[in-house]
């Protein structure tokens, strides 16, 4: 079970990332992201990295990248993580990637989902998801929250990660 962590900032570089598999030349990218404090992270973007809204990233875009904090990483600077989910950021919405239990509370206990009829629920391939959201990995796009613990929100969009 992955433990998702994130890093947000602006993309400063996008380069091809070369793997040992010659047939995949050009299929991997290395995105360098720098936050306001000057911290830098390199995200290895693979063909399996999910991009929210299937957005094409460009240098200068504000982004958030999610990675498995339990996965092994090379001991280099700047840190280099395999990107599992990437999204452009916005002042109008928040993004969370996590496992949500049978009460729709995130694994860190900080966010509870209240699903409304207006909440759009999709699979990663943009098809409608019609089953139960409980006990699944979800990508949540949401606006305001309550000031309770856990914070509660009615998300705009829920993307079900069936590949986890």
Foldseek 3Di string as FASTA:
>chain_A
DFDKDKDKAFWADKAWDDDPDVVCGPQWIWTWGAHPVGQIEIEIEHPQAQEVVPDDDDGGFIKMFMARPPDDWDPDPPTYGHGNYMYGDDPFKDKDWAFAAQQRAGPVQQEREDEDPQEFEEESVRHGDDDDRHGFTKIFIFGDWDPDGNTYTHTNYIYTYPVD
